[in-house]
C-alpha cells in the first residue's frame, strides 16, 4: 500500500468496530482475519482493521454474549477460531444500527450547508 493510500484511510470511531464486526458476522461464521478483510473489502479499502484492534473487540463481544467462538480449520487448512453471531448479538446489531443511523444523520445535518448560505 502506498503512503498516499495510508493517509487516505479513515480511523474508526470508538464503538463502530463492534457494529462492523456484528454486521459482518450476520453473513455467517468466519475467522478473525476474514472479518478484517471483509470490512476492508466492503469499505472499498477505506477502513483497515488492525489485529491490535480486532482481537480485543472480538473478546469484548464474546464477553458480552453477542458472539461465540469455536475452533475450526480455515480455507488454507490452518487452525482458526470461527466467530458466530448469537441471538443476543442479532438484537444488539439492530439496536446499534439504529443508533448509528441517528448519529450519522445528525452529523450529516450539521455538515450540510443550509439554504441561507451558511458554510
PDB file of N, CA and C in Angstrom:
ATOM      1  N   UNK A   1       0.837  -1.169   0.000  1.00  0.00           N
ATOM      2  CA  UNK A   1       0.000   0.000   0.000  1.00  0.00           C
ATOM      3  C   UNK A   1       0.889   1.241   0.000  1.00  0.00           C
ATOM      4  N   UNK A   2       0.530   2.224  -0.828  1.00  0.00           N
ATOM      5  CA  UNK A   2       1.335   3.439  -0.907  1.00  0.00           C
ATOM      6  C   UNK A   2       1.100   4.325   0.307  1.00  0.00           C
ATOM      7  N   UNK A   3       2.005   5.275   0.503  1.00  0.00           N
ATOM      8  CA  UNK A   3       1.874   6.214   1.618  1.00  0.00           C
ATOM      9  C   UNK A   3       0.603   7.041   1.456  1.00  0.00           C
ATOM     10  N   UNK A   4       0.273   7.438   0.223  1.00  0.00           N
ATOM     11  CA  UNK A   4      -0.940   8.211  -0.035  1.00  0.00           C
ATOM     12  C   UNK A   4      -2.174   7.402   0.391  1.00  0.00           C
ATOM     13  N   UNK A   5      -2.213   6.133   0.036  1.00  0.00           N
ATOM     14  CA  UNK A   5      -3.343   5.285   0.417  1.00  0.00           C
ATOM     15  C   UNK A   5      -3.449   5.176   1.934  1.00  0.00           C
ATOM     16  N   UNK A   6      -2.305   5.084   2.616  1.00  0.00           N
ATOM     17  CA  UNK A   6      -2.323   5.005   4.074  1.00  0.00           C
ATOM     18  C   UNK A   6      -2.893   6.278   4.677  1.00  0.00           C
ATOM     19  N   UNK A   7      -2.550   7.427   4.135  1.00  0.00           N
ATOM     20  CA  UNK A   7      -3.058   8.703   4.645  1.00  0.00           C
ATOM     21  C   UNK A   7      -4.557   8.841   4.406  1.00  0.00           C
ATOM     22  N   UNK A   8      -5.064   8.238   3.330  1.00  0.00           N
ATOM     23  CA  UNK A   8      -6.475   8.373   2.984  1.00  0.00           C
ATOM     24  C   UNK A   8      -7.374   7.435   3.781  1.00  0.00           C
ATOM     25  N   UNK A   9      -6.821   6.489   4.477  1.00  0.00           N
ATOM     26  CA  UNK A   9      -7.632   5.593   5.304  1.00  0.00           C
ATOM     27  C   UNK A   9      -8.227   6.368   6.461  1.00  0.00           C
ATOM     28  N   UNK A  10      -9.363   5.918   6.917  1.00  0.00           N
ATOM     29  CA  UNK A  10     -10.075   6.615   7.982  1.00  0.00           C
ATOM     30  C   UNK A  10     -10.032   5.766   9.245  1.00  0.00           C
ATOM     31  N   UNK A  11      -9.694   6.394  10.361  1.00  0.00           N
ATOM     32  CA  UNK A  11      -9.704   5.690  11.647  1.00  0.00           C
ATOM     33  C   UNK A  11     -11.146   5.489  12.087  1.00  0.00           C
ATOM     34  N   UNK A  12     -11.449   4.343  12.662  1.00  0.00           N
ATOM     35  CA  UNK A  12     -12.805   4.058  13.118  1.00  0.00           C
ATOM     36  C   UNK A  12     -13.112   4.794  14.408  1.00  0.00           C
ATOM     37  N   UNK A  13     -14.313   5.337  14.508  1.00  0.00           N
ATOM     38  CA  UNK A  13     -14.758   5.929  15.756  1.00  0.00           C
ATOM     39  C   UNK A  13     -14.894   4.831  16.796  1.00  0.00           C
ATOM     40  N   UNK A  14     -14.668   5.185  18.041  1.00  0.00           N
ATOM     41  CA  UNK A  14     -14.798   4.205  19.107  1.00  0.00           C
ATOM     42  C   UNK A  14     -16.219   3.633  19.096  1.00  0.00           C
ATOM     43  N   UNK A  15     -16.327   2.329  19.147  1.00  0.00           N
ATOM     44  CA  UNK A  15     -17.625   1.672  19.156  1.00  0.00           C
ATOM     45  C   UNK A  15     -18.099   1.215  17.791  1.00  0.00           C
ATOM     46  N   UNK A  16     -17.589   1.825  16.721  1.00  0.00           N
ATOM     47  CA  UNK A  16     -18.065   1.421  15.397  1.00  0.00           C
ATOM     48  C   UNK A  16     -17.492   0.078  14.972  1.00  0.00           C
ATOM     49  N   UNK A  17     -16.337  -0.290  15.476  1.00  0.00           N
ATOM     50  CA  UNK A  17     -15.763  -1.581  15.124  1.00  0.00           C
ATOM     51  C   UNK A  17     -16.688  -2.711  15.571  1.00  0.00           C
ATOM     52  N   UNK A  18     -17.252  -2.597  16.760  1.00  0.00           N
ATOM     53  CA  UNK A  18     -18.186  -3.627  17.229  1.00  0.00           C
ATOM     54  C   UNK A  18     -19.346  -3.781  16.252  1.00  0.00           C
ATOM     55  N   UNK A  19     -19.898  -2.661  15.819  1.00  0.00           N
ATOM     56  CA  UNK A  19     -21.016  -2.681  14.878  1.00  0.00           C
ATOM     57  C   UNK A  19     -20.607  -3.346  13.560  1.00  0.00           C
ATOM     58  N   UNK A  20     -19.429  -3.010  13.059  1.00  0.00           N
ATOM     59  CA  UNK A  20     -18.960  -3.585  11.797  1.00  0.00           C
ATOM     60  C   UNK A  20     -18.710  -5.080  11.917  1.00  0.00           C
ATOM     61  N   UNK A  21     -18.198  -5.514  13.048  1.00  0.00           N
ATOM     62  CA  UNK A  21     -17.978  -6.947  13.264  1.00  0.00           C
ATOM     63  C   UNK A  21     -19.321  -7.673  13.315  1.00  0.00           C
ATOM     64  N   UNK A  22     -20.264  -7.137  14.084  1.00  0.00           N
ATOM     65  CA  UNK A  22     -21.585  -7.771  14.175  1.00  0.00           C
ATOM     66  C   UNK A  22     -22.229  -7.869  12.798  1.00  0.00           C
ATOM     67  N   UNK A  23     -22.134  -6.811  12.016  1.00  0.00           N
ATOM     68  CA  UNK A  23     -22.737  -6.807  10.679  1.00  0.00           C
ATOM     69  C   UNK A  23     -22.058  -7.829   9.780  1.00  0.00           C
ATOM     70  N   UNK A  24     -20.747  -7.938   9.876  1.00  0.00           N
ATOM     71  CA  UNK A  24     -20.006  -8.910   9.069  1.00  0.00           C
ATOM     72  C   UNK A  24     -20.424 -10.334   9.426  1.00  0.00           C
ATOM     73  N   UNK A  25     -20.614 -10.591  10.722  1.00  0.00           N
ATOM     74  CA  UNK A  25     -20.977 -11.939  11.158  1.00  0.00           C
ATOM     75  C   UNK A  25     -22.427 -12.294  10.845  1.00  0.00           C
ATOM     76  N   UNK A  26     -23.228 -11.308  10.474  1.00  0.00           N
ATOM     77  CA  UNK A  26     -24.603 -11.581  10.061  1.00  0.00           C
ATOM     78  C   UNK A  26     -24.623 -12.499   8.842  1.00  0.00           C
ATOM     79  N   UNK A  27     -23.561 -12.457   8.058  1.00  0.00           N
ATOM     80  CA  UNK A  27     -23.456 -13.274   6.851  1.00  0.00           C
ATOM     81  C   UNK A  27     -23.101 -14.727   7.149  1.00  0.00           C
ATOM     82  N   UNK A  28     -22.668 -15.011   8.384  1.00  0.00           N
ATOM     83  CA  UNK A  28     -22.317 -16.378   8.768  1.00  0.00           C
ATOM     84  C   UNK A  28     -21.004 -16.416   9.518  1.00  0.00           C
ATOM     85  N   UNK A  29     -20.666 -17.584  10.083  1.00  0.00           N
ATOM     86  CA  UNK A  29     -19.432 -17.729  10.874  1.00  0.00           C
ATOM     87  C   UNK A  29     -18.195 -17.491  10.010  1.00  0.00           C
ATOM     88  N   UNK A  30     -17.207 -16.836  10.612  1.00  0.00           N
ATOM     89  CA  UNK A  30     -15.981 -16.540   9.876  1.00  0.00           C
ATOM     90  C   UNK A  30     -14.841 -16.336  10.876  1.00  0.00           C
ATOM     91  N   UNK A  31     -13.613 -16.556  10.420  1.00  0.00           N
ATOM     92  CA  UNK A  31     -12.461 -16.368  11.308  1.00  0.00           C
ATOM     93  C   UNK A  31     -12.020 -14.906  11.295  1.00  0.00           C
ATOM     94  N   UNK A  32     -11.195 -14.537  12.281  1.00  0.00           N
ATOM     95  CA  UNK A  32     -10.817 -13.156  12.503  1.00  0.00           C
ATOM     96  C   UNK A  32     -10.208 -12.453  11.302  1.00  0.00           C
ATOM     97  N   UNK A  33      -9.248 -13.091  10.663  1.00  0.00           N
ATOM     98  CA  UNK A  33      -8.595 -12.470   9.510  1.00  0.00           C
ATOM     99  C   UNK A  33      -9.626 -12.168   8.418  1.00  0.00           C
ATOM    100  N   UNK A  34     -10.571 -13.066   8.213  1.00  0.00           N
ATOM    101  CA  UNK A  34     -11.596 -12.866   7.189  1.00  0.00           C
ATOM    102  C   UNK A  34     -12.548 -11.726   7.567  1.00  0.00           C
ATOM    103  N   UNK A  35     -12.779 -11.523   8.863  1.00  0.00           N
ATOM    104  CA  UNK A  35     -13.603 -10.389   9.305  1.00  0.00           C
ATOM    105  C   UNK A  35     -12.923  -9.088   8.900  1.00  0.00           C
ATOM    106  N   UNK A  36     -11.637  -8.976   9.203  1.00  0.00           N
ATOM    107  CA  UNK A  36     -10.888  -7.767   8.857  1.00  0.00           C
ATOM    108  C   UNK A  36     -10.894  -7.537   7.344  1.00  0.00           C
ATOM    109  N   UNK A  37     -10.664  -8.578   6.590  1.00  0.00           N
ATOM    110  CA  UNK A  37     -10.638  -8.460   5.124  1.00  0.00           C
ATOM    111  C   UNK A  37     -12.007  -8.089   4.569  1.00  0.00           C
ATOM    112  N   UNK A  38     -13.077  -8.621   5.148  1.00  0.00           N
ATOM    113  CA  UNK A  38     -14.432  -8.293   4.696  1.00  0.00           C
ATOM    114  C   UNK A  38     -14.744  -6.820   4.930  1.00  0.00           C
ATOM    115  N   UNK A  39     -14.340  -6.305   6.084  1.00  0.00           N
ATOM    116  CA  UNK A  39     -14.562  -4.891   6.383  1.00  0.00           C
ATOM    117  C   UNK A  39     -13.772  -4.020   5.410  1.00  0.00           C
ATOM    118  N   UNK A  40     -12.535  -4.386   5.141  1.00  0.00           N
ATOM    119  CA  UNK A  40     -11.731  -3.645   4.175  1.00  0.00           C
ATOM    120  C   UNK A  40     -12.388  -3.667   2.801  1.00  0.00           C
ATOM    121  N   UNK A  41     -12.776  -4.848   2.352  1.00  0.00           N
ATOM    122  CA  UNK A  41     -13.357  -5.009   1.018  1.00  0.00           C
ATOM    123  C   UNK A  41     -14.660  -4.229   0.887  1.00  0.00           C
ATOM    124  N   UNK A  42     -15.551  -4.380   1.873  1.00  0.00           N
ATOM    125  CA  UNK A  42     -16.864  -3.736   1.793  1.00  0.00           C
ATOM    126  C   UNK A  42     -16.777  -2.220   1.949  1.00  0.00           C
ATOM    127  N   UNK A  43     -15.661  -1.713   2.471  1.00  0.00           N
ATOM    128  CA  UNK A  43     -15.471  -0.258   2.583  1.00  0.00           C
ATOM    129  C   UNK A  43     -14.612   0.276   1.438  1.00  0.00           C
ATOM    130  N   UNK A  44     -14.410  -0.535   0.410  1.00  0.00           N
ATOM    131  CA  UNK A  44     -13.535  -0.158  -0.710  1.00  0.00           C
ATOM    132  C   UNK A  44     -12.150   0.239  -0.222  1.00  0.00           C
ATOM    133  N   UNK A  45     -11.643  -0.504   0.756  1.00  0.00           N
ATOM    134  CA  UNK A  45     -10.300  -0.314   1.318  1.00  0.00           C
ATOM    135  C   UNK A  45     -10.115   1.020   2.046  1.00  0.00           C
ATOM    136  N   UNK A  46     -11.204   1.660   2.433  1.00  0.00           N
ATOM    137  CA  UNK A  46     -11.099   2.892   3.211  1.00  0.00           C
ATOM    138  C   UNK A  46     -10.826   2.551   4.672  1.00  0.00           C
ATOM    139  N   UNK A  47     -11.483   1.507   5.177  1.00  0.00           N
ATOM    140  CA  UNK A  47     -11.314   1.095   6.567  1.00  0.00           C
ATOM    141  C   UNK A  47     -10.366  -0.091   6.646  1.00  0.00           C
ATOM    142  N   UNK A  48      -9.409  -0.008   7.538  1.00  0.00           N
ATOM    143  CA  UNK A  48      -8.476  -1.106   7.761  1.00  0.00           C
ATOM    144  C   UNK A  48      -8.526  -1.453   9.234  1.00  0.00           C
ATOM    145  N   UNK A  49      -8.745  -2.730   9.530  1.00  0.00           N
ATOM    146  CA  UNK A  49      -8.841  -3.190  10.909  1.00  0.00           C
ATOM    147  C   UNK A  49      -7.547  -3.904  11.266  1.00  0.00           C
ATOM    148  N   UNK A  50      -6.819  -3.341  12.189  1.00  0.00           N
ATOM    149  CA  UNK A  50      -5.559  -3.932  12.633  1.00  0.00           C
ATOM    150  C   UNK A  50      -5.832  -5.034  13.658  1.00  0.00           C
ATOM    151  N   UNK A  51      -4.953  -6.016  13.729  1.00  0.00           N
ATOM    152  CA  UNK A  51      -5.113  -7.110  14.697  1.00  0.00           C
ATOM    153  C   UNK A  51      -5.183  -6.599  16.122  1.00  0.00           C
ATOM    154  N   UNK A  52      -4.441  -5.540  16.411  1.00  0.00           N
ATOM    155  CA  UNK A  52      -4.425  -4.973  17.750  1.00  0.00           C
ATOM    156  C   UNK A  52      -5.752  -4.366  18.164  1.00  0.00           C
ATOM    157  N   UNK A  53      -6.615  -4.096  17.209  1.00  0.00           N
ATOM    158  CA  UNK A  53      -7.966  -3.606  17.496  1.00  0.00           C
ATOM    159  C   UNK A  53      -8.991  -4.727  17.365  1.00  0.00           C
ATOM    160  N   UNK A  54      -8.800  -5.580  16.359  1.00  0.00           N
ATOM    161  CA  UNK A  54      -9.781  -6.625  16.054  1.00  0.00           C
ATOM    162  C   UNK A  54      -9.944  -7.631  17.191  1.00  0.00           C
ATOM    163  N   UNK A  55      -8.847  -8.225  17.643  1.00  0.00           N
ATOM    164  CA  UNK A  55      -8.966  -9.311  18.610  1.00  0.00           C
ATOM    165  C   UNK A  55      -9.464  -8.849  19.984  1.00  0.00           C
ATOM    166  N   UNK A  56      -9.045  -7.684  20.474  1.00  0.00           N
ATOM    167  CA  UNK A  56      -9.674  -7.201  21.711  1.00  0.00           C
ATOM    168  C   UNK A  56     -11.183  -6.972  21.536  1.00  0.00           C
ATOM    169  N   UNK A  57     -11.589  -6.475  20.363  1.00  0.00           N
ATOM    170  CA  UNK A  57     -13.018  -6.269  20.096  1.00  0.00           C
ATOM    171  C   UNK A  57     -13.756  -7.607  20.078  1.00  0.00           C
ATOM    172  N   UNK A  58     -13.175  -8.615  19.453  1.00  0.00           N
ATOM    173  CA  UNK A  58     -13.811  -9.937  19.415  1.00  0.00           C
ATOM    174  C   UNK A  58     -13.963 -10.503  20.826  1.00  0.00           C
ATOM    175  N   UNK A  59     -12.935 -10.361  21.650  1.00  0.00           N
ATOM    176  CA  UNK A  59     -13.021 -10.848  23.034  1.00  0.00           C
ATOM    177  C   UNK A  59     -14.090 -10.092  23.816  1.00  0.00           C
ATOM    178  N   UNK A  60     -14.182  -8.791  23.585  1.00  0.00           N
ATOM    179  CA  UNK A  60     -15.196  -7.971  24.249  1.00  0.00           C
ATOM    180  C   UNK A  60     -16.606  -8.424  23.846  1.00  0.00           C
ATOM    181  N   UNK A  61     -16.791  -8.711  22.566  1.00  0.00           N
ATOM    182  CA  UNK A  61     -18.103  -9.142  22.070  1.00  0.00           C
ATOM    183  C   UNK A  61     -18.472 -10.531  22.601  1.00  0.00           C
ATOM    184  N   UNK A  62     -17.487 -11.401  22.756  1.00  0.00           N
ATOM    185  CA  UNK A  62     -17.734 -12.724  23.353  1.00  0.00           C
ATOM    186  C   UNK A  62     -18.165 -12.544  24.802  1.00  0.00           C
ATOM    187  N   UNK A  63     -17.448 -11.702  25.523  1.00  0.00           N
ATOM    188  CA  UNK A  63     -17.752 -11.460  26.937  1.00  0.00           C
ATOM    189  C   UNK A  63     -19.170 -10.920  27.119  1.00  0.00           C
ATOM    190  N   UNK A  64     -19.620 -10.103  26.186  1.00  0.00           N
ATOM    191  CA  UNK A  64     -20.973  -9.537  26.246  1.00  0.00           C
ATOM    192  C   UNK A  64     -22.041 -10.528  25.785  1.00  0.00           C
ATOM    193  N   UNK A  65     -21.604 -11.643  25.206  1.00  0.00           N
ATOM    194  CA  UNK A  65     -22.547 -12.650  24.740  1.00  0.00           C
ATOM    195  C   UNK A  65     -23.135 -12.348  23.373  1.00  0.00           C
ATOM    196  N   UNK A  66     -22.537 -11.409  22.649  1.00  0.00           N
ATOM    197  CA  UNK A  66     -23.056 -11.031  21.342  1.00  0.00           C
ATOM    198  C   UNK A  66     -22.532 -11.917  20.224  1.00  0.00           C
ATOM    199  N   UNK A  67     -21.374 -12.553  20.468  1.00  0.00           N
ATOM    200  CA  UNK A  67     -20.831 -13.521  19.516  1.00  0.00           C
ATOM    201  C   UNK A  67     -20.305 -14.723  20.297  1.00  0.00           C
ATOM    202  N   UNK A  68     -20.115 -15.827  19.578  1.00  0.00           N
ATOM    203  CA  UNK A  68     -19.488 -17.003  20.172  1.00  0.00           C
ATOM    204  C   UNK A  68     -18.325 -17.410  19.268  1.00  0.00           C
ATOM    205  N   UNK A  69     -17.459 -18.259  19.779  1.00  0.00           N
ATOM    206  CA  UNK A  69     -16.291 -18.691  19.010  1.00  0.00           C
ATOM    207  C   UNK A  69     -16.133 -20.199  19.139  1.00  0.00           C
ATOM    208  N   UNK A  70     -15.693 -20.814  18.068  1.00  0.00           N
ATOM    209  CA  UNK A  70     -15.365 -22.241  18.107  1.00  0.00           C
ATOM    210  C   UNK A  70     -14.190 -22.513  17.189  1.00  0.00           C
ATOM    211  N   UNK A  71     -13.425 -23.523  17.565  1.00  0.00           N
ATOM    212  CA  UNK A  71     -12.248 -23.896  16.780  1.00  0.00           C
ATOM    213  C   UNK A  71     -12.675 -24.555  15.477  1.00  0.00           C
ATOM    214  N   UNK A  72     -11.884 -24.314  14.442  1.00  0.00           N
ATOM    215  CA  UNK A  72     -12.160 -24.921  13.150  1.00  0.00           C
ATOM    216  C   UNK A  72     -10.919 -24.869  12.288  1.00  0.00           C
ATOM    217  N   UNK A  73     -11.093 -25.162  11.002  1.00  0.00           N
ATOM    218  CA  UNK A  73      -9.996 -25.151  10.046  1.00  0.00           C
ATOM    219  C   UNK A  73     -10.308 -24.128   8.967  1.00  0.00           C
ATOM    220  N   UNK A  74      -9.359 -23.247   8.718  1.00  0.00           N
ATOM    221  CA  UNK A  74      -9.550 -22.194   7.721  1.00  0.00           C
ATOM    222  C   UNK A  74      -9.447 -22.766   6.310  1.00  0.00           C
ATOM    223  N   UNK A  75      -9.726 -21.913   5.332  1.00  0.00           N
ATOM    224  CA  UNK A  75      -9.687 -22.342   3.929  1.00  0.00           C
ATOM    225  C   UNK A  75      -8.287 -22.764   3.485  1.00  0.00           C
ATOM    226  N   UNK A  76      -7.240 -22.339   4.201  1.00  0.00           N
ATOM    227  CA  UNK A  76      -5.881 -22.773   3.854  1.00  0.00           C
ATOM    228  C   UNK A  76      -5.373 -23.854   4.811  1.00  0.00           C
ATOM    229  N   UNK A  77      -6.314 -24.575   5.422  1.00  0.00           N
ATOM    230  CA  UNK A  77      -6.022 -25.747   6.262  1.00  0.00           C
ATOM    231  C   UNK A  77      -5.271 -25.427   7.555  1.00  0.00           C
ATOM    232  N   UNK A  78      -5.484 -24.255   8.099  1.00  0.00           N
ATOM    233  CA  UNK A  78      -4.875 -23.890   9.380  1.00  0.00           C
ATOM    234  C   UNK A  78      -5.942 -23.840  10.449  1.00  0.00           C
ATOM    235  N   UNK A  79      -5.517 -24.124  11.694  1.00  0.00           N
ATOM    236  CA  UNK A  79      -6.457 -23.996  12.817  1.00  0.00           C
ATOM    237  C   UNK A  79      -6.832 -22.535  12.980  1.00  0.00           C
ATOM    238  N   UNK A  80      -8.107 -22.289  13.224  1.00  0.00           N
ATOM    239  CA  UNK A  80      -8.572 -20.910  13.393  1.00  0.00           C
ATOM    240  C   UNK A  80      -9.805 -20.916  14.281  1.00  0.00           C
ATOM    241  N   UNK A  81     -10.052 -19.771  14.903  1.00  0.00           N
ATOM    242  CA  UNK A  81     -11.283 -19.588  15.655  1.00  0.00           C
ATOM    243  C   UNK A  81     -12.304 -18.982  14.716  1.00  0.00           C
ATOM    244  N   UNK A  82     -13.486 -19.579  14.702  1.00  0.00           N
ATOM    245  CA  UNK A  82     -14.572 -19.048  13.893  1.00  0.00           C
ATOM    246  C   UNK A  82     -15.581 -18.388  14.814  1.00  0.00           C
ATOM    247  N   UNK A  83     -15.946 -17.169  14.452  1.00  0.00           N
ATOM    248  CA  UNK A  83     -16.849 -16.368  15.269  1.00  0.00           C
ATOM    249  C   UNK A  83     -18.237 -16.387  14.649  1.00  0.00           C
ATOM    250  N   UNK A  84     -19.235 -16.439  15.522  1.00  0.00           N
ATOM    251  CA  UNK A  84     -20.622 -16.542  15.080  1.00  0.00           C
ATOM    252  C   UNK A  84     -21.472 -15.557  15.878  1.00  0.00           C
ATOM    253  N   UNK A  85     -22.418 -14.935  15.209  1.00  0.00           N
ATOM    254  CA  UNK A  85     -23.351 -14.020  15.856  1.00  0.00           C
ATOM    255  C   UNK A  85     -24.345 -14.833  16.685  1.00  0.00           C
ATOM    256  N   UNK A  86     -24.595 -14.418  17.924  1.00  0.00           N
ATOM    257  CA  UNK A  86     -25.578 -15.083  18.783  1.00  0.00           C
ATOM    258  C   UNK A  86     -26.933 -14.376  18.623  1.00  0.00           C
ATOM    259  N   UNK A  87     -28.013 -14.991  19.106  1.00  0.00           N
ATOM    260  CA  UNK A  87     -29.314 -14.301  19.071  1.00  0.00           C
ATOM    261  C   UNK A  87     -29.257 -12.945  19.794  1.00  0.00           C
ATOM    262  N   UNK A  88     -28.556 -12.898  20.917  1.00  0.00           N
ATOM    263  CA  UNK A  88     -28.377 -11.633  21.640  1.00  0.00           C
ATOM    264  C   UNK A  88     -27.615 -10.627  20.767  1.00  0.00           C
ATOM    265  N   UNK A  89     -26.647 -11.113  20.014  1.00  0.00           N
ATOM    266  CA  UNK A  89     -25.870 -10.261  19.116  1.00  0.00           C
ATOM    267  C   UNK A  89     -26.710  -9.728  17.963  1.00  0.00           C
ATOM    268  N   UNK A  90     -27.633 -10.545  17.460  1.00  0.00           N
ATOM    269  CA  UNK A  90     -28.533 -10.094  16.389  1.00  0.00           C
ATOM    270  C   UNK A  90     -29.400  -8.936  16.876  1.00  0.00           C
ATOM    271  N   UNK A  91     -29.909  -9.072  18.099  1.00  0.00           N
ATOM    272  CA  UNK A  91     -30.727  -7.992  18.676  1.00  0.00           C
ATOM    273  C   UNK A  91     -29.885  -6.731  18.844  1.00  0.00           C
ATOM    274  N   UNK A  92     -28.653  -6.914  19.303  1.00  0.00           N
ATOM    275  CA  UNK A  92     -27.772  -5.768  19.512  1.00  0.00           C
ATOM    276  C   UNK A  92     -27.426  -5.093  18.191  1.00  0.00           C
ATOM    277  N   UNK A  93     -27.261  -5.887  17.142  1.00  0.00           N
ATOM    278  CA  UNK A  93     -26.964  -5.339  15.824  1.00  0.00           C
ATOM    279  C   UNK A  93     -28.094  -4.410  15.364  1.00  0.00           C
ATOM    280  N   UNK A  94     -29.335  -4.814  15.569  1.00  0.00           N
ATOM    281  CA  UNK A  94     -30.476  -3.971  15.198  1.00  0.00           C
ATOM    282  C   UNK A  94     -30.435  -2.657  15.967  1.00  0.00           C
ATOM    283  N   UNK A  95     -30.198  -2.738  17.272  1.00  0.00           N
ATOM    284  CA  UNK A  95     -30.137  -1.547  18.118  1.00  0.00           C
ATOM    285  C   UNK A  95     -28.985  -0.630  17.702  1.00  0.00           C
ATOM    286  N   UNK A  96     -27.802  -1.191  17.533  1.00  0.00           N
ATOM    287  CA  UNK A  96     -26.628  -0.388  17.186  1.00  0.00           C
ATOM    288  C   UNK A  96     -26.750   0.219  15.791  1.00  0.00           C
ATOM    289  N   UNK A  97     -27.383  -0.497  14.862  1.00  0.00           N
ATOM    290  CA  UNK A  97     -27.592   0.036  13.516  1.00  0.00           C
ATOM    291  C   UNK A  97     -28.510   1.252  13.577  1.00  0.00           C
ATOM    292  N   UNK A  98     -29.544   1.167  14.390  1.00  0.00           N
ATOM    293  CA  UNK A  98     -30.470   2.287  14.574  1.00  0.00           C
ATOM    294  C   UNK A  98     -29.753   3.491  15.182  1.00  0.00           C
ATOM    295  N   UNK A  99     -28.938   3.235  16.202  1.00  0.00           N
ATOM    296  CA  UNK A  99     -28.183   4.312  16.840  1.00  0.00           C
ATOM    297  C   UNK A  99     -27.219   4.960  15.845  1.00  0.00           C
ATOM    298  N   UNK A 100     -26.564   4.136  15.027  1.00  0.00           N
ATOM    299  CA  UNK A 100     -25.625   4.661  14.043  1.00  0.00           C
ATOM    300  C   UNK A 100     -26.356   5.518  13.022  1.00  0.00           C
ATOM    301  N   UNK A 101     -27.536   5.087  12.576  1.00  0.00           N
ATOM    302  CA  UNK A 101     -28.311   5.861  11.602  1.00  0.00           C
ATOM    303  C   UNK A 101     -28.669   7.237  12.182  1.00  0.00           C
ATOM    304  N   UNK A 102     -29.059   7.275  13.458  1.00  0.00           N
ATOM    305  CA  UNK A 102     -29.385   8.556  14.103  1.00  0.00           C
ATOM    306  C   UNK A 102     -28.147   9.445  14.175  1.00  0.00           C
ATOM    307  N   UNK A 103     -27.027   8.881  14.605  1.00  0.00           N
ATOM    308  CA  UNK A 103     -25.790   9.643  14.740  1.00  0.00           C
ATOM    309  C   UNK A 103     -25.320  10.175  13.390  1.00  0.00           C
ATOM    310  N   UNK A 104     -25.255   9.311  12.391  1.00  0.00           N
ATOM    311  CA  UNK A 104     -24.759   9.753  11.085  1.00  0.00           C
ATOM    312  C   UNK A 104     -25.710  10.764  10.453  1.00  0.00           C
ATOM    313  N   UNK A 105     -27.011  10.619  10.676  1.00  0.00           N
ATOM    314  CA  UNK A 105     -27.972  11.600  10.176  1.00  0.00           C
ATOM    315  C   UNK A 105     -27.775  12.951  10.831  1.00  0.00           C
ATOM    316  N   UNK A 106     -27.541  12.949  12.147  1.00  0.00           N
ATOM    317  CA  UNK A 106     -27.320  14.199  12.873  1.00  0.00           C
ATOM    318  C   UNK A 106     -26.050  14.889  12.385  1.00  0.00           C
ATOM    319  N   UNK A 107     -24.985  14.126  12.194  1.00  0.00           N
ATOM    320  CA  UNK A 107     -23.727  14.701  11.707  1.00  0.00           C
ATOM    321  C   UNK A 107     -23.917  15.250  10.293  1.00  0.00           C
ATOM    322  N   UNK A 108     -24.624  14.515   9.450  1.00  0.00           N
ATOM    323  CA  UNK A 108     -24.874  14.973   8.077  1.00  0.00           C
ATOM    324  C   UNK A 108     -25.654  16.287   8.080  1.00  0.00           C
ATOM    325  N   UNK A 109     -26.625  16.425   8.977  1.00  0.00           N
ATOM    326  CA  UNK A 109     -27.402  17.675   9.051  1.00  0.00           C
ATOM    327  C   UNK A 109     -26.510  18.852   9.452  1.00  0.00           C
ATOM    328  N   UNK A 110     -25.573  18.596  10.354  1.00  0.00           N
ATOM    329  CA  UNK A 110     -24.668  19.664  10.784  1.00  0.00           C
ATOM    330  C   UNK A 110     -23.709  20.056   9.661  1.00  0.00           C
ATOM    331  N   UNK A 111     -23.227  19.077   8.921  1.00  0.00           N
ATOM    332  CA  UNK A 111     -22.255  19.347   7.863  1.00  0.00           C
ATOM    333  C   UNK A 111     -22.887  19.909   6.597  1.00  0.00           C
ATOM    334  N   UNK A 112     -24.167  19.663   6.392  1.00  0.00           N
ATOM    335  CA  UNK A 112     -24.849  20.096   5.174  1.00  0.00           C
ATOM    336  C   UNK A 112     -25.095  21.607   5.244  1.00  0.00           C
ATOM    337  N   UNK A 113     -24.717  22.340   4.203  1.00  0.00           N
ATOM    338  CA  UNK A 113     -24.983  23.779   4.196  1.00  0.00           C
ATOM    339  C   UNK A 113     -26.495  24.033   4.169  1.00  0.00           C
ATOM    340  N   UNK A 114     -26.922  25.090   4.840  1.00  0.00           N
ATOM    341  CA  UNK A 114     -28.342  25.432   4.851  1.00  0.00           C
ATOM    342  C   UNK A 114     -28.688  26.241   3.613  1.00  0.00           C
ATOM    343  N   UNK A 115     -29.959  26.436   3.408  1.00  0.00           N
ATOM    344  CA  UNK A 115     -30.416  27.216   2.253  1.00  0.00           C
ATOM    345  C   UNK A 115     -30.065  28.688   2.393  1.00  0.00           C
ATOM    346  N   UNK A 116     -29.752  29.146   3.607  1.00  0.00           N
ATOM    347  CA  UNK A 116     -29.450  30.560   3.831  1.00  0.00           C
ATOM    348  C   UNK A 116     -27.996  30.896   3.512  1.00  0.00           C
ATOM    349  N   UNK A 117     -27.272  29.952   2.950  1.00  0.00           N
ATOM    350  CA  UNK A 117     -25.903  30.211   2.551  1.00  0.00           C
ATOM    351  C   UNK A 117     -24.863  30.036   3.640  1.00  0.00           C
ATOM    352  N   UNK A 118     -25.230  29.395   4.744  1.00  0.00           N
ATOM    353  CA  UNK A 118     -24.266  29.134   5.818  1.00  0.00           C
ATOM    354  C   UNK A 118     -23.198  28.176   5.298  1.00  0.00           C
ATOM    355  N   UNK A 119     -21.959  28.399   5.670  1.00  0.00           N
ATOM    356  CA  UNK A 119     -20.904  27.495   5.225  1.00  0.00           C
ATOM    357  C   UNK A 119     -20.281  26.750   6.339  1.00  0.00           C
TER     358      UNK A 119
END
